Amino acid sequence: MRLYIPQGYPAYSCYYHVTLSRETTAGSLLVSLMQHMGFGSQRDYRVVLQRDQGGSEERLSGGERLKDRVGSKREDGWPRLFLKPIKS
């Protein structure tokens, strides 16, 4: 599954391919990504789900299992995950 990040030009043109195990939570994915990218606090970001192009974003809670919420990937590459900064 693709996890789009705010880096790149234009923004969100860069992504990671992530494999989700049954036990992967939004919080554990966020922690791993923050460590890998050397970002600041994980409290500054959230993981959101978009099921279709142009569709609304669904915020994922930290303890929520991603496989349960996301379901399976379709041929067209949707749904997708996005790392979004939390505006202060």
PDB file of N, CA and C in Angstrom:
ATOM      1  N   MET A   1       0.846  -1.158   0.000  1.00  0.00           N
ATOM      2  CA  MET A   1       0.000   0.000   0.000  1.00  0.00           C
ATOM      3  C   MET A   1       0.897   1.228   0.000  1.00  0.00           C
ATOM      4  N   ARG A   2       0.447   2.287  -0.631  1.00  0.00           N
ATOM      5  CA  ARG A   2       1.218   3.524  -0.670  1.00  0.00           C
ATOM      6  C   ARG A   2       0.877   4.415   0.521  1.00  0.00           C
ATOM      7  N   LEU A   3       1.938   4.957   1.124  1.00  0.00           N
ATOM      8  CA  LEU A   3       1.811   5.948   2.187  1.00  0.00           C
ATOM      9  C   LEU A   3       2.483   7.217   1.676  1.00  0.00           C
ATOM     10  N   TYR A   4       1.680   8.204   1.318  1.00  0.00           N
ATOM     11  CA  TYR A   4       2.186   9.455   0.756  1.00  0.00           C
ATOM     12  C   TYR A   4       2.646  10.373   1.874  1.00  0.00           C
ATOM     13  N   ILE A   5       3.777  11.059   1.648  1.00  0.00           N
ATOM     14  CA  ILE A   5       4.351  11.950   2.646  1.00  0.00           C
ATOM     15  C   ILE A   5       4.371  13.380   2.096  1.00  0.00           C
ATOM     16  N   PRO A   6       4.411  14.372   2.993  1.00  0.00           N
ATOM     17  CA  PRO A   6       4.309  15.759   2.527  1.00  0.00           C
ATOM     18  C   PRO A   6       5.555  16.291   1.819  1.00  0.00           C
ATOM     19  N   GLN A   7       6.615  15.511   1.730  1.00  0.00           N
ATOM     20  CA  GLN A   7       7.813  15.957   1.038  1.00  0.00           C
ATOM     21  C   GLN A   7       7.629  15.826  -0.473  1.00  0.00           C
ATOM     22  N   GLY A   8       8.518  16.459  -1.207  1.00  0.00           N
ATOM     23  CA  GLY A   8       8.468  16.391  -2.661  1.00  0.00           C
ATOM     24  C   GLY A   8       7.868  17.652  -3.241  1.00  0.00           C
ATOM     25  N   TYR A   9       8.016  17.769  -4.534  1.00  0.00           N
ATOM     26  CA  TYR A   9       7.406  18.914  -5.223  1.00  0.00           C
ATOM     27  C   TYR A   9       6.705  18.390  -6.453  1.00  0.00           C
ATOM     28  N   PRO A  10       5.405  18.500  -6.550  1.00  0.00           N
ATOM     29  CA  PRO A  10       4.532  19.097  -5.544  1.00  0.00           C
ATOM     30  C   PRO A  10       4.418  18.215  -4.304  1.00  0.00           C
ATOM     31  N   ALA A  11       3.881  18.791  -3.242  1.00  0.00           N
ATOM     32  CA  ALA A  11       3.708  18.039  -1.991  1.00  0.00           C
ATOM     33  C   ALA A  11       2.924  16.750  -2.254  1.00  0.00           C
ATOM     34  N   TYR A  12       3.284  15.710  -1.557  1.00  0.00           N
ATOM     35  CA  TYR A  12       2.664  14.380  -1.649  1.00  0.00           C
ATOM     36  C   TYR A  12       2.949  13.676  -2.975  1.00  0.00           C
ATOM     37  N   SER A  13       4.027  14.060  -3.639  1.00  0.00           N
ATOM     38  CA  SER A  13       4.440  13.321  -4.835  1.00  0.00           C
ATOM     39  C   SER A  13       5.391  12.185  -4.465  1.00  0.00           C
ATOM     40  N   CYS A  14       5.818  12.127  -3.204  1.00  0.00           N
ATOM     41  CA  CYS A  14       6.697  11.054  -2.706  1.00  0.00           C
ATOM     42  C   CYS A  14       5.876  10.109  -1.827  1.00  0.00           C
ATOM     43  N   TYR A  15       6.216   8.845  -1.896  1.00  0.00           N
ATOM     44  CA  TYR A  15       5.504   7.874  -1.061  1.00  0.00           C
ATOM     45  C   TYR A  15       6.398   6.700  -0.721  1.00  0.00           C
ATOM     46  N   TYR A  16       5.996   5.979   0.310  1.00  0.00           N
ATOM     47  CA  TYR A  16       6.618   4.732   0.712  1.00  0.00           C
ATOM     48  C   TYR A  16       5.652   3.602   0.370  1.00  0.00           C
ATOM     49  N   HIS A  17       6.195   2.477  -0.028  1.00  0.00           N
ATOM     50  CA  HIS A  17       5.386   1.265  -0.124  1.00  0.00           C
ATOM     51  C   HIS A  17       5.460   0.600   1.238  1.00  0.00           C
ATOM     52  N   VAL A  18       4.334   0.418   1.885  1.00  0.00           N
ATOM     53  CA  VAL A  18       4.311  -0.219   3.201  1.00  0.00           C
ATOM     54  C   VAL A  18       3.494  -1.502   3.125  1.00  0.00           C
ATOM     55  N   THR A  19       3.962  -2.485   3.860  1.00  0.00           N
ATOM     56  CA  THR A  19       3.244  -3.744   3.992  1.00  0.00           C
ATOM     57  C   THR A  19       2.649  -3.783   5.387  1.00  0.00           C
ATOM     58  N   LEU A  20       1.379  -4.009   5.468  1.00  0.00           N
ATOM     59  CA  LEU A  20       0.683  -3.993   6.745  1.00  0.00           C
ATOM     60  C   LEU A  20       0.433  -5.408   7.223  1.00  0.00           C
ATOM     61  N   SER A  21       0.911  -5.695   8.429  1.00  0.00           N
ATOM     62  CA  SER A  21       0.560  -6.978   9.040  1.00  0.00           C
ATOM     63  C   SER A  21      -0.792  -6.810   9.710  1.00  0.00           C
ATOM     64  N   ARG A  22      -1.351  -7.880  10.143  1.00  0.00           N
ATOM     65  CA  ARG A  22      -2.666  -7.839  10.802  1.00  0.00           C
ATOM     66  C   ARG A  22      -2.632  -6.971  12.058  1.00  0.00           C
ATOM     67  N   GLU A  23      -1.482  -6.917  12.723  1.00  0.00           N
ATOM     68  CA  GLU A  23      -1.363  -6.207  13.998  1.00  0.00           C
ATOM     69  C   GLU A  23      -0.867  -4.772  13.867  1.00  0.00           C
ATOM     70  N   THR A  24      -0.529  -4.306  12.675  1.00  0.00           N
ATOM     71  CA  THR A  24      -0.004  -2.947  12.503  1.00  0.00           C
ATOM     72  C   THR A  24      -1.072  -1.917  12.836  1.00  0.00           C
ATOM     73  N   THR A  25      -0.726  -0.985  13.722  1.00  0.00           N
ATOM     74  CA  THR A  25      -1.652   0.089  14.078  1.00  0.00           C
ATOM     75  C   THR A  25      -1.189   1.396  13.435  1.00  0.00           C
ATOM     76  N   ALA A  26      -2.097   2.346  13.374  1.00  0.00           N
ATOM     77  CA  ALA A  26      -1.744   3.666  12.840  1.00  0.00           C
ATOM     78  C   ALA A  26      -0.625   4.280  13.672  1.00  0.00           C
ATOM     79  N   GLY A  27      -0.685   4.089  14.983  1.00  0.00           N
ATOM     80  CA  GLY A  27       0.339   4.636  15.876  1.00  0.00           C
ATOM     81  C   GLY A  27       1.704   4.021  15.655  1.00  0.00           C
ATOM     82  N   SER A  28       1.770   2.698  15.490  1.00  0.00           N
ATOM     83  CA  SER A  28       3.065   2.047  15.283  1.00  0.00           C
ATOM     84  C   SER A  28       3.655   2.433  13.928  1.00  0.00           C
ATOM     85  N   LEU A  29       2.813   2.595  12.923  1.00  0.00           N
ATOM     86  CA  LEU A  29       3.289   3.041  11.615  1.00  0.00           C
ATOM     87  C   LEU A  29       3.838   4.461  11.713  1.00  0.00           C
ATOM     88  N   LEU A  30       3.160   5.317  12.434  1.00  0.00           N
ATOM     89  CA  LEU A  30       3.588   6.698  12.602  1.00  0.00           C
ATOM     90  C   LEU A  30       4.937   6.771  13.331  1.00  0.00           C
ATOM     91  N   VAL A  31       5.101   5.999  14.400  1.00  0.00           N
ATOM     92  CA  VAL A  31       6.359   5.977  15.150  1.00  0.00           C
ATOM     93  C   VAL A  31       7.505   5.516  14.256  1.00  0.00           C
ATOM     94  N   SER A  32       7.300   4.441  13.517  1.00  0.00           N
ATOM     95  CA  SER A  32       8.348   3.926  12.627  1.00  0.00           C
ATOM     96  C   SER A  32       8.732   4.945  11.563  1.00  0.00           C
ATOM     97  N   LEU A  33       7.755   5.594  10.996  1.00  0.00           N
ATOM     98  CA  LEU A  33       8.011   6.581   9.957  1.00  0.00           C
ATOM     99  C   LEU A  33       8.760   7.791  10.509  1.00  0.00           C
ATOM    100  N   MET A  34       8.358   8.254  11.690  1.00  0.00           N
ATOM    101  CA  MET A  34       9.037   9.399  12.310  1.00  0.00           C
ATOM    102  C   MET A  34      10.500   9.080  12.579  1.00  0.00           C
ATOM    103  N   GLN A  35      10.783   7.874  13.074  1.00  0.00           N
ATOM    104  CA  GLN A  35      12.161   7.463  13.345  1.00  0.00           C
ATOM    105  C   GLN A  35      12.954   7.353  12.053  1.00  0.00           C
ATOM    106  N   HIS A  36      12.365   6.758  11.046  1.00  0.00           N
ATOM    107  CA  HIS A  36      13.056   6.564   9.775  1.00  0.00           C
ATOM    108  C   HIS A  36      13.391   7.898   9.103  1.00  0.00           C
ATOM    109  N   MET A  37      12.451   8.822   9.119  1.00  0.00           N
ATOM    110  CA  MET A  37      12.634  10.089   8.415  1.00  0.00           C
ATOM    111  C   MET A  37      13.328  11.153   9.259  1.00  0.00           C
ATOM    112  N   GLY A  38      13.503  10.889  10.548  1.00  0.00           N
ATOM    113  CA  GLY A  38      14.145  11.859  11.419  1.00  0.00           C
ATOM    114  C   GLY A  38      13.284  13.084  11.689  1.00  0.00           C
ATOM    115  N   PHE A  39      11.973  12.908  11.617  1.00  0.00           N
ATOM    116  CA  PHE A  39      11.051  14.001  11.896  1.00  0.00           C
ATOM    117  C   PHE A  39      11.003  14.259  13.390  1.00  0.00           C
ATOM    118  N   GLY A  40      10.381  15.362  13.753  1.00  0.00           N
ATOM    119  CA  GLY A  40      10.201  15.713  15.155  1.00  0.00           C
ATOM    120  C   GLY A  40       9.194  14.802  15.830  1.00  0.00           C
ATOM    121  N   SER A  41       8.392  15.383  16.652  1.00  0.00           N
ATOM    122  CA  SER A  41       7.438  14.628  17.452  1.00  0.00           C
ATOM    123  C   SER A  41       6.325  14.026  16.593  1.00  0.00           C
ATOM    124  N   GLN A  42       5.937  12.819  16.946  1.00  0.00           N
ATOM    125  CA  GLN A  42       4.821  12.184  16.244  1.00  0.00           C
ATOM    126  C   GLN A  42       3.513  12.900  16.543  1.00  0.00           C
ATOM    127  N   ARG A  43       3.497  13.736  17.565  1.00  0.00           N
ATOM    128  CA  ARG A  43       2.295  14.512  17.875  1.00  0.00           C
ATOM    129  C   ARG A  43       2.026  15.600  16.837  1.00  0.00           C
ATOM    130  N   ASP A  44       3.019  15.851  15.973  1.00  0.00           N
ATOM    131  CA  ASP A  44       2.864  16.882  14.940  1.00  0.00           C
ATOM    132  C   ASP A  44       2.237  16.338  13.660  1.00  0.00           C
ATOM    133  N   TYR A  45       2.003  15.017  13.612  1.00  0.00           N
ATOM    134  CA  TYR A  45       1.496  14.377  12.393  1.00  0.00           C
ATOM    135  C   TYR A  45       0.395  13.390  12.715  1.00  0.00           C
ATOM    136  N   ARG A  46      -0.369  13.026  11.705  1.00  0.00           N
ATOM    137  CA  ARG A  46      -1.392  11.984  11.828  1.00  0.00           C
ATOM    138  C   ARG A  46      -1.424  11.193  10.520  1.00  0.00           C
ATOM    139  N   VAL A  47      -1.976  10.001  10.595  1.00  0.00           N
ATOM    140  CA  VAL A  47      -2.148   9.155   9.417  1.00  0.00           C
ATOM    141  C   VAL A  47      -3.622   9.214   9.032  1.00  0.00           C
ATOM    142  N   VAL A  48      -3.894   9.491   7.761  1.00  0.00           N
ATOM    143  CA  VAL A  48      -5.275   9.531   7.282  1.00  0.00           C
ATOM    144  C   VAL A  48      -5.437   8.553   6.122  1.00  0.00           C
ATOM    145  N   LEU A  49      -6.645   8.112   5.937  1.00  0.00           N
ATOM    146  CA  LEU A  49      -7.000   7.155   4.893  1.00  0.00           C
ATOM    147  C   LEU A  49      -7.874   7.863   3.868  1.00  0.00           C
ATOM    148  N   GLN A  50      -7.563   7.643   2.612  1.00  0.00           N
ATOM    149  CA  GLN A  50      -8.425   8.139   1.536  1.00  0.00           C
ATOM    150  C   GLN A  50      -8.782   6.921   0.683  1.00  0.00           C
ATOM    151  N   ARG A  51     -10.059   6.626   0.582  1.00  0.00           N
ATOM    152  CA  ARG A  51     -10.508   5.417  -0.105  1.00  0.00           C
ATOM    153  C   ARG A  51     -10.545   5.549  -1.620  1.00  0.00           C
ATOM    154  N   ASP A  52     -10.827   6.737  -2.129  1.00  0.00           N
ATOM    155  CA  ASP A  52     -10.923   6.975  -3.567  1.00  0.00           C
ATOM    156  C   ASP A  52     -10.317   8.327  -3.893  1.00  0.00           C
ATOM    157  N   GLN A  53      -9.891   8.483  -5.140  1.00  0.00           N
ATOM    158  CA  GLN A  53      -9.353   9.763  -5.569  1.00  0.00           C
ATOM    159  C   GLN A  53     -10.425  10.835  -5.413  1.00  0.00           C
ATOM    160  N   GLY A  54     -10.065  11.912  -4.745  1.00  0.00           N
ATOM    161  CA  GLY A  54     -11.018  12.988  -4.503  1.00  0.00           C
ATOM    162  C   GLY A  54     -11.961  12.725  -3.348  1.00  0.00           C
ATOM    163  N   GLY A  55     -11.837  11.559  -2.719  1.00  0.00           N
ATOM    164  CA  GLY A  55     -12.716  11.219  -1.598  1.00  0.00           C
ATOM    165  C   GLY A  55     -12.306  11.919  -0.325  1.00  0.00           C
ATOM    166  N   SER A  56     -13.166  11.875   0.659  1.00  0.00           N
ATOM    167  CA  SER A  56     -12.871  12.515   1.937  1.00  0.00           C
ATOM    168  C   SER A  56     -11.803  11.720   2.684  1.00  0.00           C
ATOM    169  N   GLU A  57     -11.116  12.407   3.574  1.00  0.00           N
ATOM    170  CA  GLU A  57     -10.068  11.776   4.380  1.00  0.00           C
ATOM    171  C   GLU A  57     -10.647  11.299   5.692  1.00  0.00           C
ATOM    172  N   GLU A  58     -10.228  10.098   6.101  1.00  0.00           N
ATOM    173  CA  GLU A  58     -10.657   9.530   7.371  1.00  0.00           C
ATOM    174  C   GLU A  58      -9.452   9.484   8.293  1.00  0.00           C
ATOM    175  N   ARG A  59      -9.539  10.178   9.408  1.00  0.00           N
ATOM    176  CA  ARG A  59      -8.448  10.170  10.379  1.00  0.00           C
ATOM    177  C   ARG A  59      -8.430   8.828  11.098  1.00  0.00           C
ATOM    178  N   LEU A  60      -7.238   8.274  11.262  1.00  0.00           N
ATOM    179  CA  LEU A  60      -7.085   6.983  11.923  1.00  0.00           C
ATOM    180  C   LEU A  60      -6.554   7.196  13.330  1.00  0.00           C
ATOM    181  N   SER A  61      -7.152   6.532  14.303  1.00  0.00           N
ATOM    182  CA  SER A  61      -6.677   6.660  15.679  1.00  0.00           C
ATOM    183  C   SER A  61      -5.438   5.803  15.886  1.00  0.00           C
ATOM    184  N   GLY A  62      -4.614   6.180  16.863  1.00  0.00           N
ATOM    185  CA  GLY A  62      -3.322   5.535  17.091  1.00  0.00           C
ATOM    186  C   GLY A  62      -3.385   4.042  17.335  1.00  0.00           C
ATOM    187  N   GLY A  63      -4.378   3.567  18.070  1.00  0.00           N
ATOM    188  CA  GLY A  63      -4.464   2.155  18.404  1.00  0.00           C
ATOM    189  C   GLY A  63      -5.255   1.322  17.407  1.00  0.00           C
ATOM    190  N   GLU A  64      -5.727   1.945  16.371  1.00  0.00           N
ATOM    191  CA  GLU A  64      -6.581   1.256  15.401  1.00  0.00           C
ATOM    192  C   GLU A  64      -5.760   0.380  14.457  1.00  0.00           C
ATOM    193  N   ARG A  65      -6.153  -0.878  14.315  1.00  0.00           N
ATOM    194  CA  ARG A  65      -5.469  -1.777  13.376  1.00  0.00           C
ATOM    195  C   ARG A  65      -5.786  -1.351  11.950  1.00  0.00           C
ATOM    196  N   LEU A  66      -4.741  -1.125  11.183  1.00  0.00           N
ATOM    197  CA  LEU A  66      -4.928  -0.610   9.830  1.00  0.00           C
ATOM    198  C   LEU A  66      -5.623  -1.599   8.908  1.00  0.00           C
ATOM    199  N   LYS A  67      -5.287  -2.877   9.010  1.00  0.00           N
ATOM    200  CA  LYS A  67      -5.914  -3.881   8.135  1.00  0.00           C
ATOM    201  C   LYS A  67      -7.430  -3.911   8.320  1.00  0.00           C
ATOM    202  N   ASP A  68      -7.885  -3.732   9.565  1.00  0.00           N
ATOM    203  CA  ASP A  68      -9.322  -3.745   9.837  1.00  0.00           C
ATOM    204  C   ASP A  68     -10.018  -2.559   9.185  1.00  0.00           C
ATOM    205  N   ARG A  69      -9.361  -1.422   9.175  1.00  0.00           N
ATOM    206  CA  ARG A  69      -9.972  -0.193   8.659  1.00  0.00           C
ATOM    207  C   ARG A  69      -9.805  -0.039   7.153  1.00  0.00           C
ATOM    208  N   VAL A  70      -8.621  -0.401   6.659  1.00  0.00           N
ATOM    209  CA  VAL A  70      -8.292  -0.154   5.260  1.00  0.00           C
ATOM    210  C   VAL A  70      -8.910  -1.184   4.327  1.00  0.00           C
ATOM    211  N   GLY A  71      -8.892  -2.443   4.736  1.00  0.00           N
ATOM    212  CA  GLY A  71      -9.372  -3.494   3.843  1.00  0.00           C
ATOM    213  C   GLY A  71      -8.286  -3.873   2.853  1.00  0.00           C
ATOM    214  N   SER A  72      -8.667  -4.339   1.694  1.00  0.00           N
ATOM    215  CA  SER A  72      -7.674  -4.776   0.715  1.00  0.00           C
ATOM    216  C   SER A  72      -7.500  -3.738  -0.385  1.00  0.00           C
ATOM    217  N   LYS A  73      -6.312  -3.733  -0.956  1.00  0.00           N
ATOM    218  CA  LYS A  73      -5.985  -2.798  -2.027  1.00  0.00           C
ATOM    219  C   LYS A  73      -6.645  -3.250  -3.321  1.00  0.00           C
ATOM    220  N   ARG A  74      -7.152  -2.293  -4.072  1.00  0.00           N
ATOM    221  CA  ARG A  74      -7.783  -2.601  -5.348  1.00  0.00           C
ATOM    222  C   ARG A  74      -6.779  -2.467  -6.484  1.00  0.00           C
ATOM    223  N   GLU A  75      -7.175  -2.871  -7.668  1.00  0.00           N
ATOM    224  CA  GLU A  75      -6.320  -2.790  -8.855  1.00  0.00           C
ATOM    225  C   GLU A  75      -5.876  -1.369  -9.177  1.00  0.00           C
ATOM    226  N   ASP A  76      -6.719  -0.382  -8.889  1.00  0.00           N
ATOM    227  CA  ASP A  76      -6.389   1.003  -9.229  1.00  0.00           C
ATOM    228  C   ASP A  76      -5.497   1.694  -8.198  1.00  0.00           C
ATOM    229  N   GLY A  77      -5.019   0.939  -7.197  1.00  0.00           N
ATOM    230  CA  GLY A  77      -4.099   1.494  -6.208  1.00  0.00           C
ATOM    231  C   GLY A  77      -4.749   2.185  -5.026  1.00  0.00           C
ATOM    232  N   TRP A  78      -6.050   2.173  -4.952  1.00  0.00           N
ATOM    233  CA  TRP A  78      -6.752   2.768  -3.824  1.00  0.00           C
ATOM    234  C   TRP A  78      -7.211   1.676  -2.901  1.00  0.00           C
ATOM    235  N   PRO A  79      -7.394   1.874  -1.641  1.00  0.00           N
ATOM    236  CA  PRO A  79      -7.214   3.106  -0.888  1.00  0.00           C
ATOM    237  C   PRO A  79      -5.734   3.418  -0.647  1.00  0.00           C
ATOM    238  N   ARG A  80      -5.465   4.650  -0.191  1.00  0.00           N
ATOM    239  CA  ARG A  80      -4.112   5.105   0.089  1.00  0.00           C
ATOM    240  C   ARG A  80      -4.057   5.777   1.446  1.00  0.00           C
ATOM    241  N   LEU A  81      -2.868   5.728   2.045  1.00  0.00           N
ATOM    242  CA  LEU A  81      -2.634   6.393   3.313  1.00  0.00           C
ATOM    243  C   LEU A  81      -1.823   7.662   3.079  1.00  0.00           C
ATOM    244  N   PHE A  82      -2.039   8.664   3.915  1.00  0.00           N
ATOM    245  CA  PHE A  82      -1.322   9.924   3.827  1.00  0.00           C
ATOM    246  C   PHE A  82      -0.814  10.330   5.204  1.00  0.00           C
ATOM    247  N   LEU A  83       0.406  10.839   5.271  1.00  0.00           N
ATOM    248  CA  LEU A  83       0.951  11.430   6.482  1.00  0.00           C
ATOM    249  C   LEU A  83       0.665  12.917   6.409  1.00  0.00           C
ATOM    250  N   LYS A  84      -0.125  13.418   7.344  1.00  0.00           N
ATOM    251  CA  LYS A  84      -0.547  14.818   7.318  1.00  0.00           C
ATOM    252  C   LYS A  84      -0.045  15.532   8.553  1.00  0.00           C
ATOM    253  N   PRO A  85       0.517  16.748   8.359  1.00  0.00           N
ATOM    254  CA  PRO A  85       0.890  17.538   9.536  1.00  0.00           C
ATOM    255  C   PRO A  85      -0.361  18.038  10.249  1.00  0.00           C
ATOM    256  N   ILE A  86      -0.301  18.103  11.551  1.00  0.00           N
ATOM    257  CA  ILE A  86      -1.404  18.650  12.333  1.00  0.00           C
ATOM    258  C   ILE A  86      -1.145  20.141  12.481  1.00  0.00           C
ATOM    259  N   LYS A  87      -2.046  20.899  12.008  1.00  0.00           N
ATOM    260  CA  LYS A  87      -1.904  22.366  12.065  1.00  0.00           C
ATOM    261  C   LYS A  87      -2.149  22.842  13.498  1.00  0.00           C
ATOM    262  N   SER A  88      -1.268  23.714  13.976  1.00  0.00           N
ATOM    263  CA  SER A  88      -1.426  24.202  15.347  1.00  0.00           C
ATOM    264  C   SER A  88      -2.225  25.477  15.396  1.00  0.00           C
TER     265      SER A  88
END
